N, C-alpha and C. Protein backbone atom coordinates (compact mmCIF):
# COMPACT_ATOMS: atom_id res chain seq x y z
N MET A 1 121.45 189.23 -51.19
CA MET A 1 122.42 189.40 -52.24
C MET A 1 123.79 189.57 -51.60
N SER A 2 124.79 188.82 -52.07
CA SER A 2 126.12 188.91 -51.50
C SER A 2 127.11 189.33 -52.56
N LEU A 3 128.15 189.97 -52.08
CA LEU A 3 129.21 190.39 -52.99
C LEU A 3 130.22 189.27 -53.14
N SER A 4 130.64 188.99 -54.34
CA SER A 4 131.66 187.97 -54.55
C SER A 4 132.49 188.35 -55.76
N ASP A 5 133.72 187.88 -55.76
CA ASP A 5 134.55 188.15 -56.94
C ASP A 5 134.29 187.10 -58.01
N SER A 6 135.06 187.12 -59.06
CA SER A 6 134.80 186.22 -60.19
C SER A 6 135.03 184.76 -59.84
N SER A 7 135.84 184.49 -58.78
CA SER A 7 136.09 183.09 -58.42
C SER A 7 135.03 182.56 -57.48
N GLY A 8 134.09 183.41 -57.02
CA GLY A 8 133.02 182.97 -56.12
C GLY A 8 133.34 183.17 -54.65
N ASN A 9 134.51 183.70 -54.32
CA ASN A 9 134.85 183.96 -52.92
C ASN A 9 134.12 185.22 -52.44
N THR A 10 133.71 185.21 -51.19
CA THR A 10 133.00 186.36 -50.66
C THR A 10 133.93 187.41 -50.09
N GLY A 11 135.19 187.16 -50.00
CA GLY A 11 136.15 188.16 -49.56
C GLY A 11 136.37 188.17 -48.06
N THR A 12 135.93 187.16 -47.33
CA THR A 12 136.13 187.15 -45.89
C THR A 12 137.58 186.96 -45.52
N SER A 13 138.39 186.38 -46.37
CA SER A 13 139.81 186.21 -46.07
C SER A 13 140.55 187.54 -46.16
N ASP A 14 139.97 188.54 -46.78
CA ASP A 14 140.61 189.85 -46.88
C ASP A 14 140.39 190.71 -45.63
N LEU A 15 139.48 190.30 -44.73
CA LEU A 15 139.18 191.12 -43.56
C LEU A 15 140.39 191.34 -42.66
N PRO A 16 141.18 190.31 -42.29
CA PRO A 16 142.36 190.59 -41.46
C PRO A 16 143.35 191.51 -42.15
N ALA A 17 143.48 191.37 -43.44
CA ALA A 17 144.41 192.25 -44.16
C ALA A 17 143.88 193.67 -44.17
N ARG A 18 142.59 193.81 -44.26
CA ARG A 18 141.99 195.14 -44.35
C ARG A 18 141.91 195.82 -42.97
N TYR A 19 141.46 195.08 -41.93
CA TYR A 19 141.21 195.70 -40.62
C TYR A 19 142.24 195.32 -39.55
N GLY A 20 143.09 194.39 -39.80
CA GLY A 20 144.06 193.94 -38.82
C GLY A 20 143.50 192.75 -38.04
N THR A 21 144.38 192.01 -37.38
CA THR A 21 143.93 190.85 -36.61
C THR A 21 143.35 191.31 -35.28
N GLY A 22 142.45 190.51 -34.73
CA GLY A 22 141.83 190.84 -33.45
C GLY A 22 142.81 190.69 -32.30
N ARG A 23 142.45 191.23 -31.17
CA ARG A 23 143.30 191.11 -29.98
C ARG A 23 143.27 189.67 -29.49
N SER A 24 144.35 189.24 -28.94
CA SER A 24 144.42 187.87 -28.45
C SER A 24 143.98 187.76 -26.99
N GLY A 25 143.69 188.85 -26.30
CA GLY A 25 143.25 188.83 -24.91
C GLY A 25 144.39 189.17 -23.98
N MET A 26 144.13 189.04 -22.67
CA MET A 26 145.14 189.36 -21.67
C MET A 26 146.14 188.21 -21.57
N SER A 27 147.35 188.57 -21.24
CA SER A 27 148.37 187.54 -21.04
C SER A 27 148.05 186.79 -19.74
N PRO A 28 148.57 185.60 -19.58
CA PRO A 28 148.31 184.85 -18.34
C PRO A 28 148.75 185.60 -17.09
N MET A 29 149.84 186.32 -17.17
CA MET A 29 150.31 187.09 -16.01
C MET A 29 149.33 188.21 -15.68
N ALA A 30 148.82 188.90 -16.69
CA ALA A 30 147.85 189.97 -16.46
C ALA A 30 146.56 189.40 -15.89
N GLN A 31 146.16 188.21 -16.32
CA GLN A 31 144.95 187.58 -15.78
C GLN A 31 145.14 187.25 -14.30
N ARG A 32 146.31 186.71 -13.94
CA ARG A 32 146.58 186.40 -12.53
C ARG A 32 146.55 187.66 -11.67
N ILE A 33 147.17 188.73 -12.15
CA ILE A 33 147.18 189.98 -11.40
C ILE A 33 145.77 190.52 -11.23
N ALA A 34 144.95 190.44 -12.26
CA ALA A 34 143.57 190.92 -12.18
C ALA A 34 142.77 190.10 -11.17
N VAL A 35 142.93 188.78 -11.17
CA VAL A 35 142.20 187.92 -10.22
C VAL A 35 142.65 188.19 -8.80
N ILE A 36 143.96 188.29 -8.57
CA ILE A 36 144.47 188.56 -7.23
C ILE A 36 144.00 189.94 -6.76
N GLY A 37 144.03 190.93 -7.63
CA GLY A 37 143.55 192.26 -7.26
C GLY A 37 142.08 192.25 -6.89
N ALA A 38 141.26 191.51 -7.65
CA ALA A 38 139.83 191.43 -7.34
C ALA A 38 139.61 190.73 -6.00
N LEU A 39 140.37 189.68 -5.70
CA LEU A 39 140.24 189.00 -4.42
C LEU A 39 140.64 189.90 -3.26
N VAL A 40 141.72 190.66 -3.42
CA VAL A 40 142.15 191.58 -2.36
C VAL A 40 141.07 192.63 -2.10
N VAL A 41 140.48 193.18 -3.14
CA VAL A 41 139.42 194.17 -2.98
C VAL A 41 138.20 193.55 -2.30
N ALA A 42 137.83 192.32 -2.67
CA ALA A 42 136.68 191.65 -2.06
C ALA A 42 136.90 191.38 -0.58
N VAL A 43 138.08 190.90 -0.21
CA VAL A 43 138.38 190.62 1.20
C VAL A 43 138.42 191.92 1.99
N ALA A 44 139.03 192.96 1.46
CA ALA A 44 139.09 194.25 2.15
C ALA A 44 137.69 194.81 2.36
N THR A 45 136.82 194.68 1.38
CA THR A 45 135.45 195.16 1.52
C THR A 45 134.70 194.38 2.58
N ALA A 46 134.88 193.06 2.62
CA ALA A 46 134.21 192.24 3.63
C ALA A 46 134.68 192.59 5.04
N VAL A 47 135.97 192.78 5.22
CA VAL A 47 136.50 193.15 6.54
C VAL A 47 135.99 194.52 6.95
N TRP A 48 136.03 195.47 6.05
CA TRP A 48 135.56 196.82 6.37
C TRP A 48 134.08 196.82 6.75
N SER A 49 133.25 196.11 6.00
CA SER A 49 131.82 196.12 6.30
C SER A 49 131.53 195.42 7.62
N THR A 50 132.28 194.37 7.95
CA THR A 50 132.08 193.69 9.23
C THR A 50 132.47 194.58 10.39
N VAL A 51 133.60 195.23 10.30
CA VAL A 51 134.06 196.10 11.38
C VAL A 51 133.16 197.31 11.52
N SER A 52 132.79 197.93 10.42
CA SER A 52 131.98 199.15 10.51
C SER A 52 130.57 198.86 11.00
N MET A 53 130.06 197.66 10.78
CA MET A 53 128.71 197.34 11.27
C MET A 53 128.70 197.13 12.77
N ASN A 54 129.79 196.67 13.37
CA ASN A 54 129.81 196.43 14.81
C ASN A 54 130.03 197.70 15.61
N VAL A 55 130.65 198.69 15.03
CA VAL A 55 130.92 199.93 15.76
C VAL A 55 129.62 200.69 15.94
N GLY A 56 129.32 201.03 17.17
CA GLY A 56 128.13 201.81 17.45
C GLY A 56 126.83 201.03 17.46
N ARG A 57 126.91 199.73 17.32
CA ARG A 57 125.69 198.93 17.28
C ARG A 57 125.28 198.55 18.70
N LEU A 58 123.99 198.54 18.94
CA LEU A 58 123.44 198.21 20.24
C LEU A 58 122.50 197.03 20.07
N GLU A 59 122.71 196.00 20.88
CA GLU A 59 121.83 194.83 20.86
C GLU A 59 121.41 194.52 22.29
N PHE A 60 120.23 193.93 22.44
CA PHE A 60 119.77 193.52 23.76
C PHE A 60 118.98 192.24 23.63
N GLN A 61 118.94 191.49 24.74
CA GLN A 61 118.24 190.21 24.72
C GLN A 61 117.78 189.88 26.13
N ASP A 62 116.54 189.39 26.24
CA ASP A 62 116.04 188.90 27.52
C ASP A 62 116.78 187.61 27.87
N VAL A 63 117.15 187.47 29.13
CA VAL A 63 117.80 186.25 29.59
C VAL A 63 116.87 185.48 30.52
N GLY A 64 116.13 186.20 31.35
CA GLY A 64 115.21 185.54 32.27
C GLY A 64 114.49 186.55 33.13
N TYR A 65 113.65 186.04 34.00
CA TYR A 65 112.92 186.90 34.93
C TYR A 65 112.57 186.08 36.16
N THR A 66 112.29 186.80 37.25
CA THR A 66 111.85 186.17 38.49
C THR A 66 110.70 187.00 39.04
N ILE A 67 109.59 186.34 39.36
CA ILE A 67 108.47 187.02 40.02
C ILE A 67 108.78 186.98 41.51
N GLU A 68 109.21 188.11 42.05
CA GLU A 68 109.60 188.18 43.46
C GLU A 68 108.39 188.20 44.39
N SER A 69 107.36 188.97 43.99
CA SER A 69 106.15 189.08 44.82
C SER A 69 105.04 189.64 43.94
N ASP A 70 103.91 189.97 44.56
CA ASP A 70 102.80 190.58 43.81
C ASP A 70 103.15 191.97 43.31
N THR A 71 104.18 192.60 43.88
CA THR A 71 104.51 193.97 43.50
C THR A 71 105.95 194.13 43.01
N ARG A 72 106.62 193.03 42.73
CA ARG A 72 108.02 193.13 42.32
C ARG A 72 108.39 192.01 41.34
N VAL A 73 109.08 192.43 40.24
CA VAL A 73 109.59 191.50 39.23
C VAL A 73 111.05 191.84 38.98
N SER A 74 111.88 190.82 38.83
CA SER A 74 113.29 191.01 38.50
C SER A 74 113.51 190.53 37.06
N VAL A 75 114.17 191.37 36.25
CA VAL A 75 114.43 191.04 34.85
C VAL A 75 115.94 190.89 34.66
N ASP A 76 116.34 189.76 34.06
CA ASP A 76 117.74 189.51 33.71
C ASP A 76 117.88 189.68 32.21
N TYR A 77 118.92 190.41 31.77
CA TYR A 77 119.06 190.71 30.34
C TYR A 77 120.52 190.94 29.99
N GLU A 78 120.79 190.87 28.70
CA GLU A 78 122.13 191.08 28.16
C GLU A 78 122.09 192.28 27.23
N VAL A 79 123.08 193.16 27.36
CA VAL A 79 123.20 194.32 26.48
C VAL A 79 124.60 194.29 25.86
N THR A 80 124.64 194.44 24.53
CA THR A 80 125.90 194.49 23.80
C THR A 80 126.04 195.88 23.20
N LYS A 81 127.12 196.58 23.59
CA LYS A 81 127.34 197.94 23.12
C LYS A 81 128.83 198.24 23.17
N ASP A 82 129.23 199.38 22.62
CA ASP A 82 130.62 199.81 22.70
C ASP A 82 130.97 200.10 24.16
N PHE A 83 132.25 199.94 24.51
CA PHE A 83 132.68 200.11 25.89
C PHE A 83 132.38 201.50 26.44
N ASP A 84 132.59 202.53 25.63
CA ASP A 84 132.44 203.89 26.12
C ASP A 84 131.04 204.46 25.92
N ALA A 85 130.12 203.68 25.39
CA ALA A 85 128.76 204.17 25.12
C ALA A 85 127.89 204.04 26.36
N THR A 86 126.89 204.91 26.42
CA THR A 86 125.87 204.85 27.46
C THR A 86 124.54 204.53 26.78
N ALA A 87 123.82 203.58 27.36
CA ALA A 87 122.54 203.17 26.79
C ALA A 87 121.46 203.24 27.86
N GLU A 88 120.24 203.36 27.42
CA GLU A 88 119.08 203.25 28.31
C GLU A 88 118.18 202.16 27.76
N CYS A 89 117.57 201.40 28.68
CA CYS A 89 116.68 200.32 28.28
C CYS A 89 115.35 200.45 29.02
N MET A 90 114.27 200.18 28.30
CA MET A 90 112.92 200.17 28.87
C MET A 90 112.58 198.73 29.24
N LEU A 91 112.35 198.50 30.53
CA LEU A 91 111.96 197.18 31.02
C LEU A 91 110.47 197.19 31.32
N HIS A 92 109.80 196.09 31.00
CA HIS A 92 108.37 195.97 31.27
C HIS A 92 108.09 194.70 32.05
N ALA A 93 107.15 194.79 32.96
CA ALA A 93 106.55 193.61 33.60
C ALA A 93 105.15 193.49 33.02
N LEU A 94 104.80 192.28 32.59
CA LEU A 94 103.51 192.05 31.93
C LEU A 94 102.67 191.08 32.74
N ASP A 95 101.34 191.25 32.65
CA ASP A 95 100.45 190.27 33.27
C ASP A 95 100.06 189.21 32.24
N ASP A 96 99.13 188.32 32.62
CA ASP A 96 98.79 187.21 31.73
C ASP A 96 98.03 187.63 30.48
N SER A 97 97.54 188.86 30.41
CA SER A 97 96.89 189.35 29.19
C SER A 97 97.83 190.30 28.42
N TYR A 98 99.12 190.25 28.74
CA TYR A 98 100.17 191.06 28.10
C TYR A 98 100.02 192.56 28.36
N ALA A 99 99.27 192.92 29.37
CA ALA A 99 99.17 194.33 29.77
C ALA A 99 100.40 194.69 30.61
N ILE A 100 100.86 195.91 30.47
CA ILE A 100 102.02 196.37 31.23
C ILE A 100 101.57 196.70 32.65
N VAL A 101 102.17 196.00 33.62
CA VAL A 101 101.84 196.25 35.02
C VAL A 101 103.00 196.91 35.76
N GLY A 102 104.12 197.07 35.08
CA GLY A 102 105.27 197.75 35.66
C GLY A 102 106.24 198.13 34.56
N ALA A 103 106.90 199.27 34.74
CA ALA A 103 107.86 199.73 33.73
C ALA A 103 108.98 200.49 34.44
N ARG A 104 110.15 200.42 33.82
CA ARG A 104 111.30 201.14 34.38
C ARG A 104 112.32 201.36 33.27
N ILE A 105 112.92 202.55 33.25
CA ILE A 105 114.03 202.85 32.35
C ILE A 105 115.31 202.75 33.17
N VAL A 106 116.24 201.91 32.70
CA VAL A 106 117.53 201.77 33.38
C VAL A 106 118.62 202.34 32.48
N THR A 107 119.60 202.96 33.11
CA THR A 107 120.74 203.53 32.39
C THR A 107 121.93 202.61 32.57
N ILE A 108 122.57 202.28 31.46
CA ILE A 108 123.73 201.40 31.47
C ILE A 108 124.91 202.22 30.96
N GLY A 109 125.83 202.52 31.86
CA GLY A 109 126.95 203.39 31.53
C GLY A 109 128.11 202.65 30.88
N PRO A 110 129.20 203.38 30.64
CA PRO A 110 130.40 202.77 30.05
C PRO A 110 130.95 201.67 30.97
N HIS A 111 131.67 200.74 30.38
CA HIS A 111 132.28 199.67 31.15
C HIS A 111 133.65 199.33 30.57
N GLU A 112 134.43 198.59 31.34
CA GLU A 112 135.79 198.21 30.93
C GLU A 112 135.74 196.98 30.04
N GLY A 113 136.72 196.87 29.18
CA GLY A 113 136.84 195.69 28.33
C GLY A 113 137.86 195.93 27.24
N SER A 114 138.34 194.83 26.65
CA SER A 114 139.35 194.97 25.61
C SER A 114 139.08 194.08 24.40
N THR A 115 138.19 193.10 24.53
CA THR A 115 137.92 192.21 23.41
C THR A 115 136.48 192.38 22.94
N GLU A 116 136.19 191.81 21.80
CA GLU A 116 134.84 191.87 21.23
C GLU A 116 133.83 191.21 22.17
N ALA A 117 134.23 190.14 22.85
CA ALA A 117 133.32 189.44 23.76
C ALA A 117 132.98 190.31 24.98
N ASP A 118 133.87 191.24 25.33
CA ASP A 118 133.62 192.11 26.49
C ASP A 118 132.54 193.16 26.21
N ARG A 119 132.12 193.31 24.96
CA ARG A 119 131.07 194.28 24.64
C ARG A 119 129.73 193.86 25.24
N SER A 120 129.55 192.56 25.49
CA SER A 120 128.30 192.04 26.05
C SER A 120 128.41 191.97 27.57
N GLN A 121 127.42 192.51 28.24
CA GLN A 121 127.36 192.48 29.70
C GLN A 121 125.97 192.02 30.12
N TYR A 122 125.91 191.33 31.26
CA TYR A 122 124.63 190.85 31.80
C TYR A 122 124.22 191.74 32.96
N TYR A 123 122.93 192.02 33.04
CA TYR A 123 122.39 192.89 34.07
C TYR A 123 121.13 192.26 34.65
N SER A 124 120.80 192.67 35.87
CA SER A 124 119.56 192.27 36.52
C SER A 124 118.97 193.52 37.17
N SER A 125 117.70 193.79 36.90
CA SER A 125 117.05 194.98 37.44
C SER A 125 115.68 194.60 37.99
N GLU A 126 115.30 195.28 39.08
CA GLU A 126 113.99 195.04 39.68
C GLU A 126 113.01 196.11 39.24
N LEU A 127 111.75 195.70 39.08
CA LEU A 127 110.67 196.61 38.72
C LEU A 127 109.57 196.49 39.77
N ARG A 128 108.98 197.60 40.11
CA ARG A 128 107.77 197.58 40.94
C ARG A 128 106.58 197.40 40.02
N THR A 129 105.58 196.68 40.49
CA THR A 129 104.40 196.43 39.66
C THR A 129 103.14 196.85 40.41
N GLU A 130 102.12 197.19 39.65
CA GLU A 130 100.82 197.52 40.25
C GLU A 130 100.05 196.26 40.60
N TYR A 131 100.20 195.24 39.78
CA TYR A 131 99.54 193.95 39.99
C TYR A 131 100.59 192.87 39.81
N ARG A 132 100.21 191.65 40.11
CA ARG A 132 101.15 190.54 39.95
C ARG A 132 101.47 190.34 38.47
N GLY A 133 102.74 190.37 38.15
CA GLY A 133 103.18 190.12 36.78
C GLY A 133 103.44 188.64 36.56
N VAL A 134 103.47 188.25 35.30
CA VAL A 134 103.78 186.86 34.97
C VAL A 134 105.08 186.75 34.17
N THR A 135 105.61 187.88 33.71
CA THR A 135 106.87 187.88 32.97
C THR A 135 107.51 189.26 33.04
N GLY A 136 108.80 189.29 32.75
CA GLY A 136 109.54 190.54 32.66
C GLY A 136 110.36 190.53 31.39
N ILE A 137 110.37 191.64 30.67
CA ILE A 137 111.05 191.71 29.37
C ILE A 137 111.80 193.02 29.22
N VAL A 138 112.74 193.03 28.28
CA VAL A 138 113.36 194.27 27.82
C VAL A 138 112.59 194.68 26.58
N ASP A 139 111.89 195.81 26.65
CA ASP A 139 111.07 196.26 25.52
C ASP A 139 111.94 196.90 24.44
N SER A 140 112.87 197.75 24.83
CA SER A 140 113.72 198.43 23.85
C SER A 140 114.95 199.01 24.56
N CYS A 141 115.98 199.29 23.77
CA CYS A 141 117.18 199.97 24.25
C CYS A 141 117.61 200.98 23.20
N TRP A 142 118.27 202.03 23.64
CA TRP A 142 118.75 203.07 22.73
C TRP A 142 120.01 203.68 23.31
N LEU A 143 120.84 204.23 22.43
CA LEU A 143 122.06 204.89 22.86
C LEU A 143 121.75 206.31 23.29
N VAL A 144 122.43 206.75 24.34
CA VAL A 144 122.25 208.10 24.87
C VAL A 144 123.45 208.93 24.42
N GLU A 145 123.18 210.08 23.85
CA GLU A 145 124.25 210.99 23.45
C GLU A 145 124.80 211.67 24.69
N ASP A 146 126.11 211.70 24.82
CA ASP A 146 126.73 212.35 25.99
C ASP A 146 126.76 213.84 25.85
């Protein structure tokens, strides 16, 4: 059932007079300012998250190994850390059944550098083994609190 006057109109033309006209939206200038503001916030957030994720982060990677003898393995590896941080890494020598035949913890102290690329340094360490190893790896690294 609908309400209508005697002429059959439902009265929808009276709505703007009764309630006022709707908003026309933001002006083009306000839209531009809102878009530019959102872009500035997005870029600032991306830069902040990238910088904050690299600070204090420690990464390591095996580079290679050399089987020196039946009782000695040399492990080459890369460690990426902050310049002033000290890290320790657990190195393992493994035999052909992946059993640990040698282990060593090495300490990597602070180093000089000024660019992001200088955070990565290459190292080579020797391990003594009980039996002949077939590979040498970096098992884990962690930051040491001073």
